């Protein structure tokens, strides 16, 4: 009787262990997918911010060719764009610090900050007729 009870207990433990191992494997796969998705998002935001930053640098250089009043107006818009760029960069740093499970709650803030930067750049760019 003791032997049967022992065998039933061992069978139950082995079954539980296999189920737990399967669950743990699924969790590891999900975490790896989230980590990869986070990394891709970070890279795409880095590229977007770098591209806008380069365009802003070019715009600063073009501003030197404007009349004094036009340059003052444009400098104000460029300063606004620079502030928005800093905010977007800080948001990206926040996302980098978050775990692969929690980073998605910052995506909307990151997207909004980057969109604000892009809009401020477009306002500064509007001083030129291309």
Protein backbone atom coordinates (compact mmCIF):
# COMPACT_ATOMS: atom_id res chain seq x y z
CA UNK A 1 0.00 0.00 0.00
CA UNK A 2 2.84 2.35 0.88
CA UNK A 3 4.46 1.56 -2.46
CA UNK A 4 1.30 2.43 -4.42
CA UNK A 5 0.88 5.68 -2.50
CA UNK A 6 4.53 6.50 -3.16
CA UNK A 7 4.14 5.79 -6.91
CA UNK A 8 1.00 7.93 -7.15
CA UNK A 9 2.75 10.80 -5.38
CA UNK A 10 5.79 10.55 -7.66
CA UNK A 11 3.59 10.41 -10.76
CA UNK A 12 1.75 13.52 -9.63
CA UNK A 13 5.03 15.35 -8.95
CA UNK A 14 6.47 14.38 -12.34
CA UNK A 15 3.31 15.54 -14.10
CA UNK A 16 3.34 18.83 -12.21
CA UNK A 17 7.04 19.32 -13.00
CA UNK A 18 6.47 18.76 -16.71
CA UNK A 19 3.55 21.20 -16.73
CA UNK A 20 5.58 23.77 -14.85
CA UNK A 21 8.54 23.37 -17.21
CA UNK A 22 6.23 23.86 -20.20
CA UNK A 23 4.75 27.00 -18.63
CA UNK A 24 8.19 28.35 -17.80
CA UNK A 25 9.29 27.77 -21.41
CA UNK A 26 6.29 29.72 -22.69
CA UNK A 27 7.07 32.56 -20.29
CA UNK A 28 10.69 32.69 -21.46
CA UNK A 29 9.57 32.87 -25.10
CA UNK A 30 7.10 35.66 -24.33
CA UNK A 31 9.77 37.61 -22.44
CA UNK A 32 12.23 37.18 -25.29
CA UNK A 33 9.63 38.45 -27.77
CA UNK A 34 8.87 41.47 -25.58
CA UNK A 35 12.57 42.21 -25.23
CA UNK A 36 13.07 42.05 -28.99
CA UNK A 37 10.03 44.25 -29.62
CA UNK A 38 11.30 46.80 -27.09
CA UNK A 39 14.74 46.84 -28.69
CA UNK A 40 13.27 47.37 -32.16
CA UNK A 41 11.10 50.23 -30.91
CA UNK A 42 14.06 51.89 -29.20
CA UNK A 43 16.12 51.62 -32.39
CA UNK A 44 13.34 53.08 -34.53
CA UNK A 45 12.93 56.02 -32.12
CA UNK A 46 16.70 56.57 -32.04
CA UNK A 47 16.75 56.75 -35.83
CA UNK A 48 13.75 59.08 -35.95
CA UNK A 49 15.23 61.44 -33.35
CA UNK A 50 18.66 61.38 -34.99
CA UNK A 51 17.14 62.14 -38.39
CA UNK A 52 15.14 65.06 -37.01
CA UNK A 53 18.22 66.28 -35.13
CA UNK A 54 20.27 66.34 -38.33
CA UNK A 55 17.51 68.23 -40.13
CA UNK A 56 17.39 70.71 -37.28
CA UNK A 57 21.16 71.24 -37.54
CA UNK A 58 20.80 71.95 -41.26
CA UNK A 59 17.98 74.36 -40.54
CA UNK A 60 20.18 76.25 -38.05
CA UNK A 61 22.81 76.65 -40.76
CA UNK A 62 20.22 77.93 -43.24
CA UNK A 63 18.92 80.40 -40.65
CA UNK A 64 22.18 82.33 -40.89
CA UNK A 65 21.18 83.40 -44.41
CA UNK A 66 17.96 85.10 -43.28
CA UNK A 67 17.40 88.75 -42.46
CA UNK A 68 17.77 89.74 -38.83
CA UNK A 69 14.02 89.78 -38.05
CA UNK A 70 13.35 86.52 -39.86
CA UNK A 71 16.33 84.93 -38.07
CA UNK A 72 14.95 86.04 -34.66
CA UNK A 73 11.60 84.44 -35.45
CA UNK A 74 13.27 81.30 -36.67
CA UNK A 75 15.63 81.16 -33.68
CA UNK A 76 12.58 81.19 -31.40
CA UNK A 77 11.07 78.26 -33.31
CA UNK A 78 14.40 76.41 -33.36
CA UNK A 79 14.75 76.89 -29.58
CA UNK A 80 11.26 75.44 -29.14
CA UNK A 81 12.20 72.47 -31.33
CA UNK A 82 15.37 71.93 -29.27
CA UNK A 83 13.32 71.82 -26.06
CA UNK A 84 10.98 69.27 -27.61
CA UNK A 85 14.01 67.27 -28.76
CA UNK A 86 15.31 67.14 -25.18
CA UNK A 87 11.93 65.95 -23.88
CA UNK A 88 11.79 63.20 -26.51
CA UNK A 89 15.35 62.13 -25.68
CA UNK A 90 14.50 61.91 -21.97
CA UNK A 91 11.43 59.79 -22.76
CA UNK A 92 13.61 57.41 -24.77
CA UNK A 93 15.98 57.12 -21.80
CA UNK A 94 13.00 56.31 -19.55
CA UNK A 95 11.91 53.54 -21.90
CA UNK A 96 15.45 52.11 -21.93
CA UNK A 97 15.38 51.86 -18.13
CA UNK A 98 12.07 49.99 -18.01
CA UNK A 99 11.78 46.24 -18.07
CA UNK A 100 10.62 44.45 -21.18
CA UNK A 101 7.24 43.91 -19.48
CA UNK A 102 6.58 47.54 -18.46
CA UNK A 103 8.00 49.64 -21.32
CA UNK A 104 4.81 49.68 -23.39
CA UNK A 105 3.08 52.03 -20.95
CA UNK A 106 5.57 54.72 -22.03
CA UNK A 107 5.11 54.25 -25.79
CA UNK A 108 2.26 56.74 -26.12
CA UNK A 109 4.26 59.36 -24.19
CA UNK A 110 7.31 58.69 -26.36
CA UNK A 111 5.30 58.93 -29.56
CA UNK A 112 3.67 62.18 -28.41
CA UNK A 113 7.02 63.73 -27.45
CA UNK A 114 8.56 62.77 -30.79
CA UNK A 115 5.53 64.08 -32.68
CA UNK A 116 5.80 67.37 -30.75
CA UNK A 117 9.46 67.63 -31.73
CA UNK A 118 8.62 66.95 -35.36
CA UNK A 119 5.85 69.57 -35.37
CA UNK A 120 8.16 72.17 -33.78
CA UNK A 121 10.75 71.39 -36.45
CA UNK A 122 8.14 71.84 -39.18
CA UNK A 123 7.16 75.22 -37.69
CA UNK A 124 10.79 76.32 -37.79
CA UNK A 125 11.18 74.96 -41.31
CA UNK A 126 8.10 76.90 -42.47
CA UNK A 127 10.21 80.08 -42.51
CA UNK A 128 11.66 78.82 -45.77
CA UNK A 129 9.67 78.44 -48.92
CA UNK A 130 10.81 75.15 -50.42
